[in-house]
């Protein structure tokens, strides 16, 4: 084989190896991002123009997340927040609208104490999706329901359940009080004298 032929063969082999490495690297990246973001990965694919665009955006979230100065809550702060959450659930029976507003603010307070920025809902959800990918969809659902003027009391109750999912993920383990054991009550009916006493779990 001539020298020119050898050179061409080497170039072709290098190109094939490069293409194979690029392809396998892409598969590995996709698998890593899917494992980390779970349902959020699929959501990003649905809203993006291409897989590459979606994965680039998810990678950007990871880089931003790595620059945040996040910290766990002290045990005393966790217990205090859980106590506040219990109060919100108890007040929901008589004041669902106000309770949802309080739940939203409480989640923001926990986020701030953890070190998360709280400017703009979309950015909040993106930041949370890196560490809390399994529950960020609950946050989006709660935000959507709370922004719906026609939401009935059952939808509002579901919104509070959604807030609770993110809340307990943000707060972390509690040695003395477990928010999972607290039930979200159904809201009080608006008809005169009628009260729905059912206690429904998520």
N, C-alpha and C. Protein backbone atom coordinates (compact mmCIF):
# COMPACT_ATOMS: atom_id res chain seq x y z
N UNK A 1 0.86 -1.20 0.00
CA UNK A 1 0.00 0.00 0.00
C UNK A 1 0.89 1.24 0.00
N UNK A 2 0.52 2.20 -0.81
CA UNK A 2 1.32 3.42 -0.91
C UNK A 2 1.19 4.26 0.35
N UNK A 3 2.12 5.20 0.49
CA UNK A 3 2.09 6.10 1.65
C UNK A 3 0.80 6.91 1.66
N UNK A 4 0.38 7.38 0.51
CA UNK A 4 -0.86 8.16 0.43
C UNK A 4 -2.06 7.32 0.86
N UNK A 5 -2.07 6.05 0.46
CA UNK A 5 -3.16 5.17 0.85
C UNK A 5 -3.19 4.95 2.35
N UNK A 6 -2.00 4.81 2.93
CA UNK A 6 -1.93 4.61 4.39
C UNK A 6 -2.45 5.84 5.12
N UNK A 7 -2.06 7.01 4.61
CA UNK A 7 -2.52 8.26 5.24
C UNK A 7 -4.03 8.37 5.18
N UNK A 8 -4.59 8.05 4.01
CA UNK A 8 -6.05 8.12 3.86
C UNK A 8 -6.74 7.13 4.81
N UNK A 9 -6.18 5.93 4.93
CA UNK A 9 -6.75 4.92 5.82
C UNK A 9 -6.71 5.37 7.26
N UNK A 10 -5.58 5.96 7.66
CA UNK A 10 -5.45 6.45 9.04
C UNK A 10 -6.46 7.56 9.31
N UNK A 11 -6.63 8.47 8.34
CA UNK A 11 -7.58 9.57 8.50
C UNK A 11 -9.00 9.04 8.64
N UNK A 12 -9.34 8.05 7.80
CA UNK A 12 -10.68 7.46 7.86
C UNK A 12 -10.91 6.78 9.21
N UNK A 13 -9.90 6.02 9.67
CA UNK A 13 -10.03 5.34 10.96
C UNK A 13 -10.19 6.34 12.10
N UNK A 14 -9.41 7.41 12.06
CA UNK A 14 -9.53 8.44 13.09
C UNK A 14 -10.91 9.08 13.07
N UNK A 15 -11.42 9.32 11.87
CA UNK A 15 -12.75 9.92 11.75
C UNK A 15 -13.82 8.99 12.32
N UNK A 16 -13.69 7.69 12.02
CA UNK A 16 -14.64 6.72 12.54
C UNK A 16 -14.57 6.65 14.06
N UNK A 17 -13.33 6.64 14.60
CA UNK A 17 -13.16 6.59 16.06
C UNK A 17 -13.72 7.84 16.71
N UNK A 18 -13.49 8.99 16.07
CA UNK A 18 -14.02 10.24 16.62
C UNK A 18 -15.54 10.23 16.64
N UNK A 19 -16.13 9.77 15.52
CA UNK A 19 -17.60 9.72 15.43
C UNK A 19 -18.18 8.76 16.46
N UNK A 20 -17.50 7.61 16.62
CA UNK A 20 -17.98 6.64 17.60
C UNK A 20 -17.87 7.19 19.01
N UNK A 21 -16.75 7.87 19.30
CA UNK A 21 -16.58 8.47 20.62
C UNK A 21 -17.60 9.55 20.90
N UNK A 22 -17.87 10.37 19.85
CA UNK A 22 -18.86 11.43 20.01
C UNK A 22 -20.24 10.84 20.26
N UNK A 23 -20.57 9.78 19.52
CA UNK A 23 -21.88 9.15 19.67
C UNK A 23 -22.02 8.50 21.04
N UNK A 24 -21.00 7.75 21.45
CA UNK A 24 -21.06 7.09 22.75
C UNK A 24 -21.05 8.11 23.89
N UNK A 25 -20.29 9.19 23.70
CA UNK A 25 -20.28 10.24 24.71
C UNK A 25 -21.64 10.89 24.85
N UNK A 26 -22.31 11.06 23.70
CA UNK A 26 -23.66 11.62 23.74
C UNK A 26 -24.63 10.70 24.45
N UNK A 27 -24.52 9.41 24.22
CA UNK A 27 -25.39 8.45 24.90
C UNK A 27 -25.15 8.47 26.40
N UNK A 28 -23.87 8.54 26.78
CA UNK A 28 -23.54 8.57 28.21
C UNK A 28 -24.07 9.84 28.85
N UNK A 29 -23.94 10.98 28.15
CA UNK A 29 -24.45 12.24 28.68
C UNK A 29 -25.96 12.19 28.84
N UNK A 30 -26.63 11.66 27.82
CA UNK A 30 -28.08 11.56 27.89
C UNK A 30 -28.52 10.67 29.04
N UNK A 31 -27.83 9.55 29.21
CA UNK A 31 -28.18 8.63 30.29
C UNK A 31 -27.95 9.27 31.65
N UNK A 32 -26.85 10.01 31.79
CA UNK A 32 -26.56 10.67 33.07
C UNK A 32 -27.61 11.73 33.39
N UNK A 33 -27.96 12.54 32.39
CA UNK A 33 -28.95 13.59 32.62
C UNK A 33 -30.33 13.00 32.90
N UNK A 34 -30.67 11.94 32.19
CA UNK A 34 -31.97 11.30 32.43
C UNK A 34 -32.04 10.73 33.84
N UNK A 35 -30.94 10.12 34.30
CA UNK A 35 -30.91 9.55 35.64
C UNK A 35 -30.99 10.64 36.70
N UNK A 36 -30.38 11.79 36.43
CA UNK A 36 -30.39 12.86 37.42
C UNK A 36 -31.71 13.61 37.46
N UNK A 37 -32.26 13.91 36.30
CA UNK A 37 -33.45 14.76 36.24
C UNK A 37 -34.76 13.99 36.15
N UNK A 38 -34.73 12.72 35.80
CA UNK A 38 -35.95 11.93 35.77
C UNK A 38 -37.02 12.54 34.87
N UNK A 39 -38.25 12.71 35.39
CA UNK A 39 -39.34 13.27 34.58
C UNK A 39 -39.03 14.66 34.03
N UNK A 40 -38.18 15.39 34.74
CA UNK A 40 -37.80 16.73 34.27
C UNK A 40 -37.03 16.66 32.95
N UNK A 41 -36.31 15.57 32.75
CA UNK A 41 -35.60 15.37 31.49
C UNK A 41 -36.60 15.24 30.34
N UNK A 42 -37.62 14.42 30.55
CA UNK A 42 -38.63 14.24 29.50
C UNK A 42 -39.39 15.54 29.25
N UNK A 43 -39.66 16.28 30.30
CA UNK A 43 -40.36 17.56 30.15
C UNK A 43 -39.52 18.52 29.32
N UNK A 44 -38.22 18.54 29.55
CA UNK A 44 -37.34 19.43 28.79
C UNK A 44 -37.30 19.03 27.33
N UNK A 45 -37.30 17.72 27.06
CA UNK A 45 -37.31 17.26 25.68
C UNK A 45 -38.57 17.71 24.95
N UNK A 46 -39.69 17.66 25.65
CA UNK A 46 -40.97 18.03 25.02
C UNK A 46 -41.03 19.52 24.70
N UNK A 47 -40.39 20.34 25.51
CA UNK A 47 -40.49 21.78 25.33
C UNK A 47 -39.35 22.37 24.48
N UNK A 48 -38.31 21.58 24.21
CA UNK A 48 -37.16 22.07 23.44
C UNK A 48 -37.27 21.69 21.97
N UNK A 49 -36.49 22.38 21.14
CA UNK A 49 -36.50 22.10 19.71
C UNK A 49 -35.82 20.78 19.37
N UNK A 50 -34.86 20.39 20.20
CA UNK A 50 -34.11 19.17 19.93
C UNK A 50 -33.56 18.61 21.23
N UNK A 51 -33.11 17.36 21.17
CA UNK A 51 -32.49 16.75 22.35
C UNK A 51 -31.25 17.52 22.77
N UNK A 52 -30.46 17.94 21.79
CA UNK A 52 -29.24 18.68 22.13
C UNK A 52 -29.55 19.97 22.86
N UNK A 53 -30.58 20.67 22.40
CA UNK A 53 -30.97 21.92 23.06
C UNK A 53 -31.43 21.66 24.49
N UNK A 54 -32.25 20.62 24.66
CA UNK A 54 -32.75 20.28 26.00
C UNK A 54 -31.60 19.91 26.92
N UNK A 55 -30.68 19.10 26.44
CA UNK A 55 -29.58 18.65 27.29
C UNK A 55 -28.61 19.79 27.59
N UNK A 56 -28.46 20.71 26.65
CA UNK A 56 -27.63 21.88 26.91
C UNK A 56 -28.24 22.73 28.02
N UNK A 57 -29.56 22.86 28.01
CA UNK A 57 -30.23 23.66 29.04
C UNK A 57 -30.14 22.98 30.40
N UNK A 58 -30.28 21.66 30.44
CA UNK A 58 -30.17 20.93 31.69
C UNK A 58 -28.74 21.00 32.24
N UNK A 59 -27.77 20.94 31.36
CA UNK A 59 -26.37 21.06 31.78
C UNK A 59 -26.10 22.45 32.34
N UNK A 60 -26.72 23.47 31.74
CA UNK A 60 -26.58 24.83 32.25
C UNK A 60 -27.17 24.94 33.65
N UNK A 61 -28.27 24.23 33.89
CA UNK A 61 -28.86 24.23 35.24
C UNK A 61 -27.87 23.64 36.25
N UNK A 62 -27.22 22.56 35.85
CA UNK A 62 -26.25 21.94 36.75
C UNK A 62 -25.11 22.90 37.08
N UNK A 63 -24.63 23.63 36.09
CA UNK A 63 -23.53 24.57 36.31
C UNK A 63 -23.97 25.69 37.24
N UNK A 64 -25.18 26.22 37.04
CA UNK A 64 -25.69 27.27 37.91
C UNK A 64 -25.86 26.74 39.33
N UNK A 65 -26.39 25.52 39.43
CA UNK A 65 -26.61 24.90 40.74
C UNK A 65 -25.28 24.75 41.49
N UNK A 66 -24.23 24.36 40.78
CA UNK A 66 -22.93 24.16 41.41
C UNK A 66 -22.37 25.46 41.98
N UNK A 67 -22.82 26.60 41.46
CA UNK A 67 -22.32 27.89 41.93
C UNK A 67 -23.13 28.44 43.11
N UNK A 68 -24.26 27.80 43.42
CA UNK A 68 -25.08 28.26 44.55
C UNK A 68 -24.44 27.84 45.87
N UNK A 69 -24.59 28.69 46.85
CA UNK A 69 -24.06 28.39 48.19
C UNK A 69 -25.17 27.76 49.03
N UNK A 70 -25.45 26.50 48.76
CA UNK A 70 -26.54 25.80 49.43
C UNK A 70 -26.07 25.15 50.71
N UNK A 71 -26.99 25.07 51.65
CA UNK A 71 -26.67 24.46 52.94
C UNK A 71 -27.91 23.80 53.52
N UNK A 72 -27.73 22.76 54.33
CA UNK A 72 -28.89 22.13 54.98
C UNK A 72 -29.41 23.02 56.11
N UNK A 73 -30.63 22.79 56.50
CA UNK A 73 -31.21 23.54 57.61
C UNK A 73 -30.76 22.96 58.94
N UNK A 74 -30.51 23.81 59.95
CA UNK A 74 -30.27 23.29 61.29
C UNK A 74 -31.51 22.56 61.80
N UNK A 75 -31.31 21.65 62.72
CA UNK A 75 -32.43 20.86 63.24
C UNK A 75 -33.53 21.76 63.82
N UNK A 76 -33.13 22.79 64.56
CA UNK A 76 -34.13 23.68 65.17
C UNK A 76 -34.97 24.38 64.10
N UNK A 77 -34.33 24.79 63.01
CA UNK A 77 -35.06 25.45 61.93
C UNK A 77 -36.02 24.48 61.26
N UNK A 78 -35.59 23.24 61.08
CA UNK A 78 -36.48 22.24 60.48
C UNK A 78 -37.73 22.06 61.32
N UNK A 79 -37.54 21.90 62.63
CA UNK A 79 -38.67 21.69 63.53
C UNK A 79 -39.61 22.90 63.50
N UNK A 80 -39.04 24.11 63.46
CA UNK A 80 -39.86 25.32 63.42
C UNK A 80 -40.67 25.38 62.14
N UNK A 81 -40.04 25.05 61.03
CA UNK A 81 -40.75 25.09 59.76
C UNK A 81 -41.86 24.04 59.71
N UNK A 82 -41.60 22.85 60.24
CA UNK A 82 -42.63 21.81 60.27
C UNK A 82 -43.81 22.25 61.12
N UNK A 83 -43.53 22.93 62.22
CA UNK A 83 -44.61 23.43 63.07
C UNK A 83 -45.44 24.46 62.31
N UNK A 84 -44.77 25.34 61.56
CA UNK A 84 -45.49 26.32 60.76
C UNK A 84 -46.34 25.62 59.70
N UNK A 85 -45.79 24.57 59.09
CA UNK A 85 -46.54 23.85 58.07
C UNK A 85 -47.79 23.20 58.67
N UNK A 86 -47.65 22.64 59.84
CA UNK A 86 -48.80 22.02 60.50
C UNK A 86 -49.91 23.03 60.72
N UNK A 87 -49.53 24.26 61.12
CA UNK A 87 -50.52 25.32 61.30
C UNK A 87 -51.22 25.68 60.00
N UNK A 88 -50.47 25.72 58.91
CA UNK A 88 -51.05 26.02 57.61
C UNK A 88 -52.09 24.97 57.23
N UNK A 89 -51.76 23.70 57.44
CA UNK A 89 -52.71 22.63 57.11
C UNK A 89 -53.98 22.74 57.96
N UNK A 90 -53.82 23.09 59.23
CA UNK A 90 -54.99 23.21 60.10
C UNK A 90 -55.88 24.37 59.67
N UNK A 91 -55.28 25.46 59.23
CA UNK A 91 -56.06 26.64 58.82
C UNK A 91 -56.69 26.46 57.45
N UNK A 92 -56.21 25.49 56.69
CA UNK A 92 -56.72 25.29 55.34
C UNK A 92 -58.22 24.97 55.35
N UNK A 93 -58.69 24.30 56.36
CA UNK A 93 -60.11 23.91 56.44
C UNK A 93 -61.01 25.13 56.30
N UNK A 94 -60.66 26.21 56.97
CA UNK A 94 -61.51 27.40 56.97
C UNK A 94 -61.05 28.47 55.99
N UNK A 95 -59.79 28.45 55.60
CA UNK A 95 -59.27 29.52 54.73
C UNK A 95 -58.30 28.95 53.71
N UNK A 96 -58.80 28.23 52.70
CA UNK A 96 -57.91 27.60 51.72
C UNK A 96 -57.06 28.59 50.92
N UNK A 97 -57.65 29.71 50.51
CA UNK A 97 -56.90 30.69 49.71
C UNK A 97 -55.71 31.23 50.51
N UNK A 98 -55.98 31.65 51.74
CA UNK A 98 -54.92 32.20 52.57
C UNK A 98 -53.87 31.14 52.90
N UNK A 99 -54.32 29.91 53.10
CA UNK A 99 -53.39 28.83 53.43
C UNK A 99 -52.44 28.53 52.28
N UNK A 100 -52.96 28.57 51.06
CA UNK A 100 -52.09 28.35 49.90
C UNK A 100 -51.06 29.46 49.77
N UNK A 101 -51.49 30.69 50.03
CA UNK A 101 -50.54 31.81 49.99
C UNK A 101 -49.46 31.63 51.05
N UNK A 102 -49.86 31.17 52.24
CA UNK A 102 -48.90 30.93 53.31
C UNK A 102 -47.96 29.79 52.95
N UNK A 103 -48.50 28.74 52.32
CA UNK A 103 -47.67 27.60 51.92
C UNK A 103 -46.62 28.04 50.91
N UNK A 104 -47.04 28.86 49.96
CA UNK A 104 -46.10 29.36 48.96
C UNK A 104 -45.00 30.18 49.61
N UNK A 105 -45.35 31.06 50.53
CA UNK A 105 -44.36 31.89 51.21
C UNK A 105 -43.45 31.06 52.10
N UNK A 106 -44.01 30.03 52.73
CA UNK A 106 -43.19 29.18 53.59
C UNK A 106 -42.15 28.43 52.75
N UNK A 107 -42.56 27.93 51.60
CA UNK A 107 -41.60 27.27 50.71
C UNK A 107 -40.50 28.24 50.30
N UNK A 108 -40.87 29.49 50.00
CA UNK A 108 -39.87 30.50 49.65
C UNK A 108 -38.91 30.75 50.82
N UNK A 109 -39.44 30.78 52.02
CA UNK A 109 -38.60 31.01 53.20
C UNK A 109 -37.58 29.88 53.37
N UNK A 110 -38.04 28.65 53.18
CA UNK A 110 -37.12 27.51 53.29
C UNK A 110 -36.07 27.58 52.19
N UNK A 111 -36.50 27.93 50.98
CA UNK A 111 -35.55 28.06 49.89
C UNK A 111 -34.47 29.10 50.21
N UNK A 112 -34.90 30.25 50.72
CA UNK A 112 -33.94 31.30 51.04
C UNK A 112 -32.96 30.84 52.11
N UNK A 113 -33.48 30.16 53.14
CA UNK A 113 -32.60 29.67 54.20
C UNK A 113 -31.63 28.61 53.69
N UNK A 114 -32.06 27.84 52.70
CA UNK A 114 -31.18 26.83 52.11
C UNK A 114 -30.13 27.45 51.18
N UNK A 115 -30.39 28.69 50.72
CA UNK A 115 -29.45 29.35 49.83
C UNK A 115 -29.91 29.46 48.39
N UNK A 116 -31.17 29.10 48.13
CA UNK A 116 -31.71 29.20 46.77
C UNK A 116 -32.16 30.63 46.48
N UNK A 117 -31.89 31.14 45.27
CA UNK A 117 -32.50 32.41 44.85
C UNK A 117 -34.00 32.22 44.70
N UNK A 118 -34.76 33.27 44.96
CA UNK A 118 -36.22 33.14 44.88
C UNK A 118 -36.83 34.19 43.96
N UNK A 119 -36.08 34.64 42.98
CA UNK A 119 -36.58 35.63 42.03
C UNK A 119 -37.07 34.93 40.76
N UNK A 120 -38.38 34.97 40.53
CA UNK A 120 -38.93 34.41 39.30
C UNK A 120 -39.23 32.93 39.42
N UNK A 121 -40.49 32.57 39.19
CA UNK A 121 -40.89 31.18 39.40
C UNK A 121 -40.15 30.21 38.49
N UNK A 122 -40.02 30.55 37.21
CA UNK A 122 -39.38 29.64 36.27
C UNK A 122 -37.94 29.33 36.68
N UNK A 123 -37.22 30.37 37.13
CA UNK A 123 -35.84 30.14 37.56
C UNK A 123 -35.81 29.33 38.86
N UNK A 124 -36.76 29.59 39.75
CA UNK A 124 -36.85 28.80 40.98
C UNK A 124 -37.01 27.31 40.64
N UNK A 125 -37.95 27.03 39.74
CA UNK A 125 -38.21 25.63 39.37
C UNK A 125 -36.97 25.01 38.72
N UNK A 126 -36.29 25.77 37.87
CA UNK A 126 -35.09 25.26 37.22
C UNK A 126 -34.01 24.95 38.24
N UNK A 127 -33.81 25.84 39.20
CA UNK A 127 -32.79 25.61 40.24
C UNK A 127 -33.15 24.40 41.09
N UNK A 128 -34.40 24.30 41.46
CA UNK A 128 -34.84 23.19 42.31
C UNK A 128 -34.75 21.85 41.58
N UNK A 129 -34.89 21.87 40.26
CA UNK A 129 -34.94 20.62 39.51
C UNK A 129 -33.64 19.82 39.60
N UNK A 130 -32.54 20.47 39.92
CA UNK A 130 -31.26 19.76 39.97
C UNK A 130 -31.18 18.87 41.20
N UNK A 131 -31.58 19.40 42.35
CA UNK A 131 -31.52 18.64 43.59
C UNK A 131 -32.83 17.94 43.90
N UNK A 132 -33.93 18.47 43.42
CA UNK A 132 -35.26 17.96 43.77
C UNK A 132 -36.06 17.61 42.51
N UNK A 133 -35.41 16.92 41.59
CA UNK A 133 -36.06 16.60 40.31
C UNK A 133 -37.32 15.77 40.49
N UNK A 134 -37.36 14.98 41.55
CA UNK A 134 -38.51 14.09 41.74
C UNK A 134 -39.75 14.81 42.25
N UNK A 135 -39.60 16.05 42.73
CA UNK A 135 -40.76 16.76 43.28
C UNK A 135 -41.00 18.13 42.65
N UNK A 136 -40.12 18.59 41.75
CA UNK A 136 -40.30 19.93 41.20
C UNK A 136 -41.59 20.02 40.40
N UNK A 137 -42.06 18.90 39.85
CA UNK A 137 -43.34 18.92 39.13
C UNK A 137 -44.49 19.26 40.08
N UNK A 138 -44.36 18.85 41.35
CA UNK A 138 -45.38 19.22 42.34
C UNK A 138 -45.42 20.73 42.52
N UNK A 139 -44.25 21.34 42.54
CA UNK A 139 -44.18 22.80 42.69
C UNK A 139 -44.86 23.49 41.52
N UNK A 140 -44.61 23.00 40.32
CA UNK A 140 -45.24 23.59 39.14
C UNK A 140 -46.76 23.42 39.19
N UNK A 141 -47.22 22.24 39.61
CA UNK A 141 -48.66 22.00 39.70
C UNK A 141 -49.30 22.91 40.75
N UNK A 142 -48.65 23.06 41.88
CA UNK A 142 -49.18 23.94 42.94
C UNK A 142 -49.27 25.37 42.44
N UNK A 143 -48.23 25.82 41.76
CA UNK A 143 -48.20 27.19 41.22
C UNK A 143 -49.31 27.38 40.19
N UNK A 144 -49.52 26.38 39.34
CA UNK A 144 -50.56 26.47 38.32
C UNK A 144 -51.95 26.55 38.95
N UNK A 145 -52.22 25.67 39.93
CA UNK A 145 -53.54 25.66 40.56
C UNK A 145 -53.78 26.95 41.32
N UNK A 146 -52.77 27.42 42.02
CA UNK A 146 -52.94 28.66 42.80
C UNK A 146 -53.21 29.85 41.88
N UNK A 147 -52.71 29.80 40.67
CA UNK A 147 -52.95 30.88 39.73
C UNK A 147 -54.25 30.76 38.97
N UNK A 148 -55.03 29.72 39.26
CA UNK A 148 -56.31 29.51 38.58
C UNK A 148 -57.44 30.04 39.45
N UNK A 149 -58.09 31.08 38.99
CA UNK A 149 -59.16 31.71 39.78
C UNK A 149 -60.34 30.78 39.99
N UNK A 150 -60.55 29.84 39.05
CA UNK A 150 -61.71 28.96 39.13
C UNK A 150 -61.43 27.68 39.90
N UNK A 151 -60.27 27.56 40.52
CA UNK A 151 -59.93 26.32 41.24
C UNK A 151 -60.92 26.08 42.38
N UNK A 152 -61.47 24.85 42.45
CA UNK A 152 -62.39 24.54 43.54
C UNK A 152 -61.59 24.07 44.75
N UNK A 153 -62.31 23.76 45.83
CA UNK A 153 -61.62 23.43 47.08
C UNK A 153 -60.82 22.13 46.98
N UNK A 154 -61.27 21.18 46.19
CA UNK A 154 -60.51 19.95 46.05
C UNK A 154 -59.21 20.20 45.28
N UNK A 155 -59.28 21.03 44.26
CA UNK A 155 -58.06 21.40 43.53
C UNK A 155 -57.10 22.16 44.44
N UNK A 156 -57.64 23.02 45.28
CA UNK A 156 -56.80 23.75 46.23
C UNK A 156 -56.15 22.79 47.23
N UNK A 157 -56.91 21.79 47.65
CA UNK A 157 -56.33 20.79 48.56
C UNK A 157 -55.18 20.06 47.88
N UNK A 158 -55.38 19.72 46.60
CA UNK A 158 -54.31 19.07 45.85
C UNK A 158 -53.09 19.99 45.74
N UNK A 159 -53.33 21.28 45.58
CA UNK A 159 -52.22 22.24 45.51
C UNK A 159 -51.42 22.22 46.80
N UNK A 160 -52.13 22.13 47.94
CA UNK A 160 -51.43 22.09 49.22
C UNK A 160 -50.63 20.80 49.35
N UNK A 161 -51.17 19.70 48.84
CA UNK A 161 -50.43 18.43 48.83
C UNK A 161 -49.17 18.58 47.98
N UNK A 162 -49.28 19.26 46.85
CA UNK A 162 -48.12 19.49 45.99
C UNK A 162 -47.06 20.33 46.71
N UNK A 163 -47.52 21.39 47.37
CA UNK A 163 -46.57 22.23 48.14
C UNK A 163 -45.87 21.38 49.20
N UNK A 164 -46.64 20.50 49.83
CA UNK A 164 -46.06 19.67 50.90
C UNK A 164 -44.95 18.77 50.37
N UNK A 165 -45.13 18.24 49.16
CA UNK A 165 -44.12 17.35 48.58
C UNK A 165 -42.78 18.08 48.45
N UNK A 166 -42.81 19.32 47.95
CA UNK A 166 -41.58 20.09 47.83
C UNK A 166 -41.07 20.50 49.20
N UNK A 167 -41.98 20.91 50.07
CA UNK A 167 -41.59 21.36 51.41
C UNK A 167 -40.80 20.29 52.16
N UNK A 168 -41.32 19.08 52.17
CA UNK A 168 -40.65 18.04 52.94
C UNK A 168 -39.32 17.65 52.29
N UNK A 169 -39.21 17.80 50.96
CA UNK A 169 -37.95 17.52 50.28
C UNK A 169 -36.91 18.58 50.62
N UNK A 170 -37.34 19.84 50.70
CA UNK A 170 -36.44 20.94 51.02
C UNK A 170 -35.98 20.90 52.48
N UNK A 171 -36.91 20.60 53.37
CA UNK A 171 -36.61 20.66 54.80
C UNK A 171 -35.69 19.52 55.22
N UNK A 172 -35.89 18.34 54.66
CA UNK A 172 -35.05 17.21 55.04
C UNK A 172 -35.64 16.46 56.22
N UNK A 173 -34.92 15.48 56.72
CA UNK A 173 -35.45 14.62 57.80
C UNK A 173 -35.66 15.38 59.09
N UNK A 174 -36.73 15.04 59.77
CA UNK A 174 -37.06 15.63 61.06
C UNK A 174 -37.05 14.53 62.10
N UNK A 175 -36.29 14.73 63.16
CA UNK A 175 -36.18 13.69 64.18
C UNK A 175 -37.41 13.61 65.07
N UNK A 176 -38.11 14.75 65.25
CA UNK A 176 -39.21 14.77 66.20
C UNK A 176 -40.58 14.89 65.56
N UNK A 177 -40.66 15.50 64.38
CA UNK A 177 -41.94 15.72 63.73
C UNK A 177 -41.83 15.30 62.28
N UNK A 178 -42.75 14.48 61.83
CA UNK A 178 -42.73 13.98 60.47
C UNK A 178 -43.90 14.57 59.69
N UNK A 179 -43.65 15.49 58.72
CA UNK A 179 -44.76 16.10 57.97
C UNK A 179 -45.51 15.10 57.12
N UNK A 180 -44.91 13.94 56.81
CA UNK A 180 -45.61 12.95 56.01
C UNK A 180 -46.81 12.36 56.76
N UNK A 181 -46.75 12.40 58.08
CA UNK A 181 -47.83 11.82 58.87
C UNK A 181 -48.98 12.79 59.10
N UNK A 182 -48.75 14.04 58.72
CA UNK A 182 -49.81 15.04 58.86
C UNK A 182 -50.68 15.00 57.62
N UNK A 183 -51.96 14.91 57.80
CA UNK A 183 -52.87 14.81 56.68
C UNK A 183 -53.34 16.18 56.25
N UNK A 184 -53.53 16.35 54.96
CA UNK A 184 -54.08 17.59 54.42
C UNK A 184 -55.59 17.47 54.44
N UNK A 185 -56.27 18.32 55.22
CA UNK A 185 -57.73 18.21 55.33
C UNK A 185 -58.44 18.77 54.12
N UNK A 186 -59.65 18.30 53.90
CA UNK A 186 -60.49 18.90 52.88
C UNK A 186 -60.97 20.24 53.38
N UNK A 187 -61.12 21.20 52.47
CA UNK A 187 -61.55 22.53 52.88
C UNK A 187 -63.00 22.52 53.31
N UNK A 188 -63.37 23.48 54.17
CA UNK A 188 -64.75 23.61 54.62
C UNK A 188 -65.63 24.02 53.46
N UNK A 189 -66.80 23.39 53.35
CA UNK A 189 -67.71 23.71 52.26
C UNK A 189 -68.24 25.14 52.42
N UNK A 190 -68.59 25.75 51.30
CA UNK A 190 -69.09 27.12 51.33
C UNK A 190 -70.58 27.19 51.62
N UNK A 191 -71.31 26.07 51.47
CA UNK A 191 -72.74 26.09 51.75
C UNK A 191 -72.97 26.23 53.24
N UNK A 192 -74.04 26.85 53.61
CA UNK A 192 -74.32 27.20 55.01
C UNK A 192 -74.39 25.95 55.87
N UNK A 193 -73.51 25.93 56.88
CA UNK A 193 -73.56 24.89 57.90
C UNK A 193 -72.96 23.57 57.49
N UNK A 194 -72.55 23.42 56.23
CA UNK A 194 -72.03 22.13 55.77
C UNK A 194 -70.53 22.08 55.92
N UNK A 195 -70.04 21.02 56.53
CA UNK A 195 -68.61 20.86 56.72
C UNK A 195 -68.21 19.48 56.25
N UNK A 196 -67.20 19.44 55.38
CA UNK A 196 -66.68 18.15 54.94
C UNK A 196 -65.58 17.77 55.90
N UNK A 197 -65.83 16.81 56.74
CA UNK A 197 -64.86 16.41 57.76
C UNK A 197 -63.87 15.39 57.29
N UNK A 198 -63.89 15.03 56.02
CA UNK A 198 -62.98 13.99 55.53
C UNK A 198 -61.55 14.47 55.62
N UNK A 199 -60.64 13.57 55.92
CA UNK A 199 -59.23 13.86 55.97
C UNK A 199 -58.55 12.96 54.95
N UNK A 200 -58.07 13.56 53.90
CA UNK A 200 -57.55 12.80 52.79
C UNK A 200 -56.05 12.91 52.73
N UNK A 201 -55.39 11.78 52.55
CA UNK A 201 -53.95 11.80 52.40
C UNK A 201 -53.60 11.92 50.92
N UNK A 202 -52.36 12.38 50.67
CA UNK A 202 -51.87 12.49 49.29
C UNK A 202 -51.60 11.12 48.74
